[in-house]
């Protein structure tokens, strides 16, 4: 590590060398995963007591974004990460889910764009997203958005974000001593620190997707330049990052989107349990200390 940014390293003839052309390579950390639920599943999630009281910190969001417009979601948060659930539609119309990474070091969005510009065939859009804030005449800068092009009418989005200090200040949070805009700090500020008995959810550690071959290639093409390691076997693509493993079932015929989210649980003894939400989603608690939340992608 080199401060909050990691030096980019590449293997040439078996030797790892510094990538001086890029300088520093920011580290994308999974921030949240978006999933579109059908109306019955979404209603069941909203009405259950288990998720908010025992599993994680539950939040209901009403947002007005300069990119996505007005929308509402349910979020279930752990220490650093969050599952964000939509009912009916996700802003954008055709979307069924998304992976949202964040950079904690200030200035990472600029460095990340340099990394992507140096990669072969990666297309993306950059924007400074602003939000309407009570007491401010003008919308305030909220986060730097890098939206990777996943192909025409893609049901899955891939975002690489860097929040602004203005966003943290609006929540009552502040950067860490090294200047990092840490995920756990803005989650704690937005949702309140854990209170009462410990909740089960620690953090997201894996996700399983269904994507077409072309979209699987775009996903790997955007993440491998940041240090994700790729392997392929039996119709599956596996990407291993610093705190997330992405398994993609490559298929041109099946509905595409998020199939499963793997969540590491806090230390302790866990009783096996299963919670169903409608007919299309279930959350299974395993005594090994892992929960798997599965979804049927909406076609």
C-alpha atoms as a PDB file:
ATOM      1  CA  UNK A   1       0.000   0.000   0.000  1.00  0.00           C
ATOM      2  CA  UNK A   2       1.064   3.539  -0.715  1.00  0.00           C
ATOM      3  CA  UNK A   3      -1.147   5.652   1.564  1.00  0.00           C
ATOM      4  CA  UNK A   4      -4.856   5.359   0.690  1.00  0.00           C
ATOM      5  CA  UNK A   5      -4.038   4.523  -2.947  1.00  0.00           C
ATOM      6  CA  UNK A   6      -2.495   1.274  -4.104  1.00  0.00           C
ATOM      7  CA  UNK A   7       0.289   1.333  -6.705  1.00  0.00           C
ATOM      8  CA  UNK A   8      -0.802  -0.305  -9.936  1.00  0.00           C
ATOM      9  CA  UNK A   9       1.190  -3.449 -10.592  1.00  0.00           C
ATOM     10  CA  UNK A  10       1.348  -5.512 -13.743  1.00  0.00           C
ATOM     11  CA  UNK A  11       2.994  -8.840 -14.536  1.00  0.00           C
ATOM     12  CA  UNK A  12       5.407  -8.761 -17.429  1.00  0.00           C
ATOM     13  CA  UNK A  13       7.221 -12.018 -18.215  1.00  0.00           C
ATOM     14  CA  UNK A  14       6.362 -13.240 -14.732  1.00  0.00           C
ATOM     15  CA  UNK A  15       7.799 -10.154 -13.006  1.00  0.00           C
ATOM     16  CA  UNK A  16       5.594  -7.685 -11.156  1.00  0.00           C
ATOM     17  CA  UNK A  17       6.499  -4.068 -11.948  1.00  0.00           C
ATOM     18  CA  UNK A  18       5.208  -0.622 -11.068  1.00  0.00           C
ATOM     19  CA  UNK A  19       2.860   0.839 -13.709  1.00  0.00           C
ATOM     20  CA  UNK A  20       4.500   4.240 -13.937  1.00  0.00           C
ATOM     21  CA  UNK A  21       2.377   5.315 -16.908  1.00  0.00           C
ATOM     22  CA  UNK A  22      -0.701   5.404 -14.696  1.00  0.00           C
ATOM     23  CA  UNK A  23       0.923   6.310 -11.394  1.00  0.00           C
ATOM     24  CA  UNK A  24      -1.439   5.225  -8.656  1.00  0.00           C
ATOM     25  CA  UNK A  25      -4.354   2.854  -9.050  1.00  0.00           C
ATOM     26  CA  UNK A  26      -7.325   3.505  -6.757  1.00  0.00           C
ATOM     27  CA  UNK A  27      -8.956   0.538  -5.057  1.00  0.00           C
ATOM     28  CA  UNK A  28     -12.696   0.105  -5.751  1.00  0.00           C
ATOM     29  CA  UNK A  29     -14.541  -1.319  -2.739  1.00  0.00           C
ATOM     30  CA  UNK A  30     -18.044  -2.724  -3.039  1.00  0.00           C
ATOM     31  CA  UNK A  31     -20.408  -0.113  -1.663  1.00  0.00           C
ATOM     32  CA  UNK A  32     -23.855  -1.467  -2.450  1.00  0.00           C
ATOM     33  CA  UNK A  33     -25.675  -3.859  -4.736  1.00  0.00           C
ATOM     34  CA  UNK A  34     -28.959  -2.843  -6.331  1.00  0.00           C
ATOM     35  CA  UNK A  35     -31.705  -5.399  -7.005  1.00  0.00           C
ATOM     36  CA  UNK A  36     -35.157  -4.958  -8.542  1.00  0.00           C
ATOM     37  CA  UNK A  37     -37.871  -6.992  -6.803  1.00  0.00           C
ATOM     38  CA  UNK A  38     -41.394  -7.709  -7.943  1.00  0.00           C
ATOM     39  CA  UNK A  39     -44.140  -5.932  -6.004  1.00  0.00           C
ATOM     40  CA  UNK A  40     -44.958  -8.864  -3.698  1.00  0.00           C
ATOM     41  CA  UNK A  41     -41.346  -9.515  -2.725  1.00  0.00           C
ATOM     42  CA  UNK A  42     -40.697  -5.807  -2.166  1.00  0.00           C
ATOM     43  CA  UNK A  43     -43.806  -5.506   0.023  1.00  0.00           C
ATOM     44  CA  UNK A  44     -42.762  -8.518   2.096  1.00  0.00           C
ATOM     45  CA  UNK A  45     -39.295  -7.036   2.632  1.00  0.00           C
ATOM     46  CA  UNK A  46     -40.853  -3.724   3.704  1.00  0.00           C
ATOM     47  CA  UNK A  47     -43.204  -5.407   6.166  1.00  0.00           C
ATOM     48  CA  UNK A  48     -40.902  -7.962   7.815  1.00  0.00           C
ATOM     49  CA  UNK A  49     -39.505  -7.183  11.258  1.00  0.00           C
ATOM     50  CA  UNK A  50     -36.558  -9.565  10.974  1.00  0.00           C
ATOM     51  CA  UNK A  51     -34.481  -7.526   8.506  1.00  0.00           C
ATOM     52  CA  UNK A  52     -34.473  -4.286  10.492  1.00  0.00           C
ATOM     53  CA  UNK A  53     -34.462  -5.734  13.991  1.00  0.00           C
ATOM     54  CA  UNK A  54     -32.119  -8.710  13.630  1.00  0.00           C
ATOM     55  CA  UNK A  55     -30.354  -8.757  10.279  1.00  0.00           C
ATOM     56  CA  UNK A  56     -29.094  -5.238   9.459  1.00  0.00           C
ATOM     57  CA  UNK A  57     -29.785  -1.547   9.648  1.00  0.00           C
ATOM     58  CA  UNK A  58     -32.892  -0.846   7.582  1.00  0.00           C
ATOM     59  CA  UNK A  59     -33.288   2.452   5.772  1.00  0.00           C
ATOM     60  CA  UNK A  60     -35.955   3.851   3.492  1.00  0.00           C
ATOM     61  CA  UNK A  61     -34.707   6.382   0.963  1.00  0.00           C
ATOM     62  CA  UNK A  62     -36.503   9.030  -1.019  1.00  0.00           C
ATOM     63  CA  UNK A  63     -34.007  10.535  -3.466  1.00  0.00           C
ATOM     64  CA  UNK A  64     -34.047  13.209  -6.133  1.00  0.00           C
ATOM     65  CA  UNK A  65     -30.997  12.735  -8.347  1.00  0.00           C
ATOM     66  CA  UNK A  66     -29.823  14.862 -11.262  1.00  0.00           C
ATOM     67  CA  UNK A  67     -29.100  11.578 -13.074  1.00  0.00           C
ATOM     68  CA  UNK A  68     -31.899   9.203 -12.060  1.00  0.00           C
ATOM     69  CA  UNK A  69     -34.722  11.545 -11.043  1.00  0.00           C
ATOM     70  CA  UNK A  70     -36.996  10.823  -8.076  1.00  0.00           C
ATOM     71  CA  UNK A  71     -37.151   7.295  -6.642  1.00  0.00           C
ATOM     72  CA  UNK A  72     -37.596   5.312  -3.408  1.00  0.00           C
ATOM     73  CA  UNK A  73     -35.684   2.280  -2.094  1.00  0.00           C
ATOM     74  CA  UNK A  74     -35.230   0.009   0.886  1.00  0.00           C
ATOM     75  CA  UNK A  75     -31.686  -0.540   2.104  1.00  0.00           C
ATOM     76  CA  UNK A  76     -30.256  -3.134   4.498  1.00  0.00           C
ATOM     77  CA  UNK A  77     -26.781  -2.163   5.707  1.00  0.00           C
ATOM     78  CA  UNK A  78     -23.911  -3.923   7.403  1.00  0.00           C
ATOM     79  CA  UNK A  79     -20.685  -2.278   8.556  1.00  0.00           C
ATOM     80  CA  UNK A  80     -19.432  -0.999   5.183  1.00  0.00           C
ATOM     81  CA  UNK A  81     -21.897  -2.223   2.569  1.00  0.00           C
ATOM     82  CA  UNK A  82     -25.567  -2.145   1.741  1.00  0.00           C
ATOM     83  CA  UNK A  83     -28.162  -4.109  -0.229  1.00  0.00           C
ATOM     84  CA  UNK A  84     -30.472  -1.628  -2.001  1.00  0.00           C
ATOM     85  CA  UNK A  85     -33.852  -2.977  -3.093  1.00  0.00           C
ATOM     86  CA  UNK A  86     -36.201  -1.393  -5.606  1.00  0.00           C
ATOM     87  CA  UNK A  87     -39.838  -2.274  -6.157  1.00  0.00           C
ATOM     88  CA  UNK A  88     -41.565  -1.811  -9.515  1.00  0.00           C
ATOM     89  CA  UNK A  89     -38.776  -0.093 -11.449  1.00  0.00           C
ATOM     90  CA  UNK A  90     -35.212   1.109 -11.086  1.00  0.00           C
ATOM     91  CA  UNK A  91     -34.590   4.591 -12.518  1.00  0.00           C
ATOM     92  CA  UNK A  92     -33.676   4.033 -16.136  1.00  0.00           C
ATOM     93  CA  UNK A  93     -36.608   1.797 -17.004  1.00  0.00           C
ATOM     94  CA  UNK A  94     -34.912  -1.402 -18.215  1.00  0.00           C
ATOM     95  CA  UNK A  95     -32.596  -2.029 -15.254  1.00  0.00           C
ATOM     96  CA  UNK A  96     -32.918  -5.014 -12.908  1.00  0.00           C
ATOM     97  CA  UNK A  97     -29.826  -4.477 -10.777  1.00  0.00           C
ATOM     98  CA  UNK A  98     -26.380  -3.012 -10.408  1.00  0.00           C
ATOM     99  CA  UNK A  99     -22.984  -3.152  -8.731  1.00  0.00           C
ATOM    100  CA  UNK A 100     -21.866   0.087  -7.106  1.00  0.00           C
ATOM    101  CA  UNK A 101     -18.250   0.430  -6.000  1.00  0.00           C
ATOM    102  CA  UNK A 102     -16.787   3.389  -4.177  1.00  0.00           C
ATOM    103  CA  UNK A 103     -13.314   4.863  -3.786  1.00  0.00           C
ATOM    104  CA  UNK A 104     -12.455   6.028  -0.302  1.00  0.00           C
ATOM    105  CA  UNK A 105      -9.413   8.162  -1.139  1.00  0.00           C
ATOM    106  CA  UNK A 106     -10.147  11.693  -2.316  1.00  0.00           C
ATOM    107  CA  UNK A 107      -9.177  12.260  -5.930  1.00  0.00           C
ATOM    108  CA  UNK A 108      -9.716   8.615  -6.857  1.00  0.00           C
ATOM    109  CA  UNK A 109     -12.331   9.353  -9.517  1.00  0.00           C
ATOM    110  CA  UNK A 110      -9.759  11.202 -11.605  1.00  0.00           C
ATOM    111  CA  UNK A 111      -7.194   8.434 -11.161  1.00  0.00           C
ATOM    112  CA  UNK A 112      -9.814   5.799 -11.974  1.00  0.00           C
ATOM    113  CA  UNK A 113     -10.647   7.498 -15.249  1.00  0.00           C
ATOM    114  CA  UNK A 114      -6.955   7.431 -16.156  1.00  0.00           C
ATOM    115  CA  UNK A 115      -6.886   3.694 -15.436  1.00  0.00           C
ATOM    116  CA  UNK A 116      -9.933   3.091 -17.625  1.00  0.00           C
ATOM    117  CA  UNK A 117      -8.599   5.320 -20.389  1.00  0.00           C
ATOM    118  CA  UNK A 118      -5.441   3.189 -20.451  1.00  0.00           C
ATOM    119  CA  UNK A 119      -7.434  -0.053 -20.629  1.00  0.00           C
ATOM    120  CA  UNK A 120      -8.378  -1.504 -24.004  1.00  0.00           C
ATOM    121  CA  UNK A 121     -11.989  -1.127 -25.093  1.00  0.00           C
ATOM    122  CA  UNK A 122     -13.552   0.188 -21.871  1.00  0.00           C
ATOM    123  CA  UNK A 123     -16.244   2.813 -22.443  1.00  0.00           C
ATOM    124  CA  UNK A 124     -17.698   4.888 -19.632  1.00  0.00           C
ATOM    125  CA  UNK A 125     -19.568   8.072 -18.797  1.00  0.00           C
ATOM    126  CA  UNK A 126     -18.517  10.468 -16.034  1.00  0.00           C
ATOM    127  CA  UNK A 127     -20.719  12.944 -14.200  1.00  0.00           C
ATOM    128  CA  UNK A 128     -20.777  14.932 -10.974  1.00  0.00           C
ATOM    129  CA  UNK A 129     -24.128  13.960  -9.498  1.00  0.00           C
ATOM    130  CA  UNK A 130     -25.942  16.632  -7.546  1.00  0.00           C
ATOM    131  CA  UNK A 131     -28.823  16.321  -5.106  1.00  0.00           C
ATOM    132  CA  UNK A 132     -31.442  18.760  -3.889  1.00  0.00           C
ATOM    133  CA  UNK A 133     -30.701  19.499  -0.225  1.00  0.00           C
ATOM    134  CA  UNK A 134     -32.992  21.251   2.236  1.00  0.00           C
ATOM    135  CA  UNK A 135     -31.737  24.771   2.947  1.00  0.00           C
ATOM    136  CA  UNK A 136     -29.654  25.015  -0.253  1.00  0.00           C
ATOM    137  CA  UNK A 137     -30.875  26.981  -3.243  1.00  0.00           C
ATOM    138  CA  UNK A 138     -28.773  25.001  -5.703  1.00  0.00           C
ATOM    139  CA  UNK A 139     -28.394  21.191  -5.842  1.00  0.00           C
ATOM    140  CA  UNK A 140     -25.242  20.144  -4.008  1.00  0.00           C
ATOM    141  CA  UNK A 141     -22.395  17.976  -5.385  1.00  0.00           C
ATOM    142  CA  UNK A 142     -22.994  14.484  -4.014  1.00  0.00           C
ATOM    143  CA  UNK A 143     -20.643  12.074  -5.762  1.00  0.00           C
ATOM    144  CA  UNK A 144     -18.473  11.579  -8.821  1.00  0.00           C
ATOM    145  CA  UNK A 145     -20.108   8.936 -10.980  1.00  0.00           C
ATOM    146  CA  UNK A 146     -18.254   6.697 -13.415  1.00  0.00           C
ATOM    147  CA  UNK A 147     -20.829   4.624 -15.272  1.00  0.00           C
ATOM    148  CA  UNK A 148     -19.264   1.806 -17.277  1.00  0.00           C
ATOM    149  CA  UNK A 149     -20.941   1.031 -20.601  1.00  0.00           C
ATOM    150  CA  UNK A 150     -22.306  -2.501 -20.186  1.00  0.00           C
ATOM    151  CA  UNK A 151     -23.881  -2.553 -23.634  1.00  0.00           C
ATOM    152  CA  UNK A 152     -27.115  -1.323 -25.164  1.00  0.00           C
ATOM    153  CA  UNK A 153     -30.208  -1.852 -22.964  1.00  0.00           C
ATOM    154  CA  UNK A 154     -28.128  -3.625 -20.308  1.00  0.00           C
ATOM    155  CA  UNK A 155     -30.264  -4.761 -17.344  1.00  0.00           C
ATOM    156  CA  UNK A 156     -27.218  -4.387 -15.065  1.00  0.00           C
ATOM    157  CA  UNK A 157     -25.279  -1.204 -14.326  1.00  0.00           C
ATOM    158  CA  UNK A 158     -21.699  -0.917 -13.080  1.00  0.00           C
ATOM    159  CA  UNK A 159     -20.844   2.272 -11.199  1.00  0.00           C
ATOM    160  CA  UNK A 160     -17.527   3.418  -9.702  1.00  0.00           C
ATOM    161  CA  UNK A 161     -18.221   6.326  -7.368  1.00  0.00           C
ATOM    162  CA  UNK A 162     -16.408   8.791  -5.164  1.00  0.00           C
ATOM    163  CA  UNK A 163     -18.533  10.710  -2.666  1.00  0.00           C
ATOM    164  CA  UNK A 164     -17.831  14.378  -1.986  1.00  0.00           C
ATOM    165  CA  UNK A 165     -16.871  16.012   1.319  1.00  0.00           C
ATOM    166  CA  UNK A 166     -20.108  18.004   0.953  1.00  0.00           C
ATOM    167  CA  UNK A 167     -22.046  14.757   1.090  1.00  0.00           C
ATOM    168  CA  UNK A 168     -20.279  13.648   4.258  1.00  0.00           C
ATOM    169  CA  UNK A 169     -20.793  17.039   5.893  1.00  0.00           C
ATOM    170  CA  UNK A 170     -24.500  16.937   5.100  1.00  0.00           C
ATOM    171  CA  UNK A 171     -24.707  13.720   7.130  1.00  0.00           C
ATOM    172  CA  UNK A 172     -22.652  15.022  10.030  1.00  0.00           C
ATOM    173  CA  UNK A 173     -19.647  12.861   9.124  1.00  0.00           C
ATOM    174  CA  UNK A 174     -16.114  13.892   8.281  1.00  0.00           C
ATOM    175  CA  UNK A 175     -13.098  12.382   6.535  1.00  0.00           C
ATOM    176  CA  UNK A 176     -10.789  10.019   8.425  1.00  0.00           C
ATOM    177  CA  UNK A 177      -7.396  11.223   9.658  1.00  0.00           C
ATOM    178  CA  UNK A 178      -5.759  10.295   6.334  1.00  0.00           C
ATOM    179  CA  UNK A 179      -8.479  12.141   4.384  1.00  0.00           C
ATOM    180  CA  UNK A 180     -10.344   8.983   3.337  1.00  0.00           C
ATOM    181  CA  UNK A 181     -14.086   9.173   2.807  1.00  0.00           C
ATOM    182  CA  UNK A 182     -14.808   5.822   4.396  1.00  0.00           C
ATOM    183  CA  UNK A 183     -17.950   3.831   3.654  1.00  0.00           C
ATOM    184  CA  UNK A 184     -18.569   2.905   7.287  1.00  0.00           C
ATOM    185  CA  UNK A 185     -18.399   6.566   8.316  1.00  0.00           C
ATOM    186  CA  UNK A 186     -21.144   7.737   5.995  1.00  0.00           C
ATOM    187  CA  UNK A 187     -23.275   4.678   6.737  1.00  0.00           C
ATOM    188  CA  UNK A 188     -22.944   5.302  10.477  1.00  0.00           C
ATOM    189  CA  UNK A 189     -23.769   8.976   9.985  1.00  0.00           C
ATOM    190  CA  UNK A 190     -26.746   8.270   7.736  1.00  0.00           C
ATOM    191  CA  UNK A 191     -28.186   5.322   9.671  1.00  0.00           C
ATOM    192  CA  UNK A 192     -26.761   5.699  13.148  1.00  0.00           C
ATOM    193  CA  UNK A 193     -24.201   3.397  14.655  1.00  0.00           C
ATOM    194  CA  UNK A 194     -25.267  -0.101  15.659  1.00  0.00           C
ATOM    195  CA  UNK A 195     -27.393  -0.007  18.816  1.00  0.00           C
ATOM    196  CA  UNK A 196     -28.836  -2.773  20.939  1.00  0.00           C
ATOM    197  CA  UNK A 197     -28.063  -6.444  20.270  1.00  0.00           C
ATOM    198  CA  UNK A 198     -25.609  -7.008  17.404  1.00  0.00           C
ATOM    199  CA  UNK A 199     -27.288  -7.490  14.044  1.00  0.00           C
ATOM    200  CA  UNK A 200     -26.282 -10.432  11.910  1.00  0.00           C
ATOM    201  CA  UNK A 201     -25.050  -8.681   8.757  1.00  0.00           C
ATOM    202  CA  UNK A 202     -21.396  -7.794   8.639  1.00  0.00           C
ATOM    203  CA  UNK A 203     -20.734  -7.140   4.955  1.00  0.00           C
ATOM    204  CA  UNK A 204     -21.281  -8.266   1.374  1.00  0.00           C
ATOM    205  CA  UNK A 205     -18.511 -10.629   0.296  1.00  0.00           C
ATOM    206  CA  UNK A 206     -19.797 -12.118  -2.962  1.00  0.00           C
ATOM    207  CA  UNK A 207     -22.359 -11.769  -5.723  1.00  0.00           C
ATOM    208  CA  UNK A 208     -23.552 -14.111  -8.444  1.00  0.00           C
ATOM    209  CA  UNK A 209     -24.779 -12.652 -11.722  1.00  0.00           C
ATOM    210  CA  UNK A 210     -26.331 -13.921 -14.933  1.00  0.00           C
ATOM    211  CA  UNK A 211     -24.976 -12.038 -17.954  1.00  0.00           C
ATOM    212  CA  UNK A 212     -24.557 -12.494 -21.677  1.00  0.00           C
ATOM    213  CA  UNK A 213     -21.027 -13.251 -22.927  1.00  0.00           C
ATOM    214  CA  UNK A 214     -20.601  -9.687 -24.211  1.00  0.00           C
ATOM    215  CA  UNK A 215     -21.631  -8.125 -20.886  1.00  0.00           C
ATOM    216  CA  UNK A 216     -19.463 -10.540 -18.920  1.00  0.00           C
ATOM    217  CA  UNK A 217     -16.494  -9.390 -21.011  1.00  0.00           C
ATOM    218  CA  UNK A 218     -17.346  -5.737 -20.373  1.00  0.00           C
ATOM    219  CA  UNK A 219     -17.552  -6.386 -16.624  1.00  0.00           C
ATOM    220  CA  UNK A 220     -14.148  -8.067 -16.570  1.00  0.00           C
ATOM    221  CA  UNK A 221     -12.646  -5.440 -18.857  1.00  0.00           C
ATOM    222  CA  UNK A 222     -13.634  -2.677 -16.443  1.00  0.00           C
ATOM    223  CA  UNK A 223     -12.586  -4.364 -13.172  1.00  0.00           C
ATOM    224  CA  UNK A 224      -9.406  -6.241 -14.081  1.00  0.00           C
ATOM    225  CA  UNK A 225      -7.448  -2.975 -14.624  1.00  0.00           C
ATOM    226  CA  UNK A 226      -8.108  -2.253 -10.925  1.00  0.00           C
ATOM    227  CA  UNK A 227      -6.546  -5.539  -9.816  1.00  0.00           C
ATOM    228  CA  UNK A 228      -9.445  -7.999  -9.995  1.00  0.00           C
ATOM    229  CA  UNK A 229      -8.186 -11.448 -10.985  1.00  0.00           C
ATOM    230  CA  UNK A 230     -10.245 -13.356 -13.545  1.00  0.00           C
ATOM    231  CA  UNK A 231     -10.679 -17.080 -14.110  1.00  0.00           C
ATOM    232  CA  UNK A 232     -13.139 -18.989 -16.297  1.00  0.00           C
ATOM    233  CA  UNK A 233     -14.492 -22.494 -15.956  1.00  0.00           C
ATOM    234  CA  UNK A 234     -17.570 -24.457 -17.051  1.00  0.00           C
ATOM    235  CA  UNK A 235     -19.502 -21.453 -18.318  1.00  0.00           C
ATOM    236  CA  UNK A 236     -18.693 -19.271 -15.309  1.00  0.00           C
ATOM    237  CA  UNK A 237     -16.463 -16.231 -15.018  1.00  0.00           C
ATOM    238  CA  UNK A 238     -14.973 -15.488 -11.611  1.00  0.00           C
ATOM    239  CA  UNK A 239     -13.538 -12.096 -10.623  1.00  0.00           C
ATOM    240  CA  UNK A 240     -11.704 -11.846  -7.303  1.00  0.00           C
ATOM    241  CA  UNK A 241     -11.172  -8.410  -5.799  1.00  0.00           C
ATOM    242  CA  UNK A 242      -9.862  -7.166  -2.458  1.00  0.00           C
ATOM    243  CA  UNK A 243     -13.148  -7.771  -0.617  1.00  0.00           C
ATOM    244  CA  UNK A 244     -15.569  -9.174  -3.198  1.00  0.00           C
ATOM    245  CA  UNK A 245     -15.839 -12.230  -5.443  1.00  0.00           C
ATOM    246  CA  UNK A 246     -18.091 -11.880  -8.490  1.00  0.00           C
ATOM    247  CA  UNK A 247     -19.299 -15.102 -10.098  1.00  0.00           C
ATOM    248  CA  UNK A 248     -20.961 -14.628 -13.489  1.00  0.00           C
ATOM    249  CA  UNK A 249     -22.986 -17.368 -15.122  1.00  0.00           C
ATOM    250  CA  UNK A 250     -22.467 -16.613 -18.779  1.00  0.00           C
ATOM    251  CA  UNK A 251     -25.657 -17.292 -20.728  1.00  0.00           C
ATOM    252  CA  UNK A 252     -27.305 -15.605 -23.697  1.00  0.00           C
ATOM    253  CA  UNK A 253     -30.741 -17.067 -23.058  1.00  0.00           C
ATOM    254  CA  UNK A 254     -31.523 -16.711 -19.317  1.00  0.00           C
ATOM    255  CA  UNK A 255     -32.877 -13.490 -17.733  1.00  0.00           C
ATOM    256  CA  UNK A 256     -29.907 -11.345 -16.736  1.00  0.00           C
ATOM    257  CA  UNK A 257     -29.267  -9.675 -13.406  1.00  0.00           C
ATOM    258  CA  UNK A 258     -28.342 -10.382  -9.786  1.00  0.00           C
ATOM    259  CA  UNK A 259     -28.955 -14.010  -8.768  1.00  0.00           C
ATOM    260  CA  UNK A 260     -27.407 -14.129  -5.303  1.00  0.00           C
ATOM    261  CA  UNK A 261     -25.669 -11.940  -2.773  1.00  0.00           C
ATOM    262  CA  UNK A 262     -23.334 -13.590  -0.264  1.00  0.00           C
ATOM    263  CA  UNK A 263     -23.136 -11.812   3.087  1.00  0.00           C
ATOM    264  CA  UNK A 264     -20.632 -12.533   5.833  1.00  0.00           C
ATOM    265  CA  UNK A 265     -22.211 -12.535   9.288  1.00  0.00           C
ATOM    266  CA  UNK A 266     -20.803 -11.216  12.539  1.00  0.00           C
ATOM    267  CA  UNK A 267     -18.861 -13.628  14.703  1.00  0.00           C
ATOM    268  CA  UNK A 268     -20.912 -15.886  16.917  1.00  0.00           C
ATOM    269  CA  UNK A 269     -23.249 -18.844  16.829  1.00  0.00           C
ATOM    270  CA  UNK A 270     -25.881 -18.720  14.093  1.00  0.00           C
ATOM    271  CA  UNK A 271     -28.983 -20.829  13.937  1.00  0.00           C
ATOM    272  CA  UNK A 272     -29.976 -22.013  10.455  1.00  0.00           C
ATOM    273  CA  UNK A 273     -32.981 -20.123   9.109  1.00  0.00           C
ATOM    274  CA  UNK A 274     -34.774 -19.267   5.898  1.00  0.00           C
ATOM    275  CA  UNK A 275     -36.836 -16.167   5.166  1.00  0.00           C
ATOM    276  CA  UNK A 276     -38.945 -15.876   2.005  1.00  0.00           C
ATOM    277  CA  UNK A 277     -40.107 -12.692   0.345  1.00  0.00           C
ATOM    278  CA  UNK A 278     -42.862 -13.351  -2.145  1.00  0.00           C
ATOM    279  CA  UNK A 279     -42.150 -16.201  -4.532  1.00  0.00           C
ATOM    280  CA  UNK A 280     -38.934 -14.790  -5.997  1.00  0.00           C
ATOM    281  CA  UNK A 281     -36.551 -14.042  -3.144  1.00  0.00           C
ATOM    282  CA  UNK A 282     -35.242 -15.852  -0.088  1.00  0.00           C
ATOM    283  CA  UNK A 283     -32.594 -15.248   2.548  1.00  0.00           C
ATOM    284  CA  UNK A 284     -30.862 -18.317   3.989  1.00  0.00           C
ATOM    285  CA  UNK A 285     -28.812 -18.092   7.190  1.00  0.00           C
ATOM    286  CA  UNK A 286     -26.100 -20.765   7.404  1.00  0.00           C
ATOM    287  CA  UNK A 287     -24.453 -21.783  10.708  1.00  0.00           C
ATOM    288  CA  UNK A 288     -21.065 -21.374   8.993  1.00  0.00           C
ATOM    289  CA  UNK A 289     -21.472 -17.608   9.345  1.00  0.00           C
ATOM    290  CA  UNK A 290     -22.657 -16.788   5.839  1.00  0.00           C
ATOM    291  CA  UNK A 291     -26.052 -15.696   4.525  1.00  0.00           C
ATOM    292  CA  UNK A 292     -27.107 -16.101   0.900  1.00  0.00           C
ATOM    293  CA  UNK A 293     -29.851 -13.851  -0.441  1.00  0.00           C
ATOM    294  CA  UNK A 294     -31.200 -15.166  -3.732  1.00  0.00           C
ATOM    295  CA  UNK A 295     -33.340 -13.457  -6.350  1.00  0.00           C
ATOM    296  CA  UNK A 296     -35.142 -14.398  -9.549  1.00  0.00           C
ATOM    297  CA  UNK A 297     -34.157 -11.749 -12.141  1.00  0.00           C
ATOM    298  CA  UNK A 298     -37.113  -9.886 -13.621  1.00  0.00           C
ATOM    299  CA  UNK A 299     -37.053 -10.355 -17.384  1.00  0.00           C
END
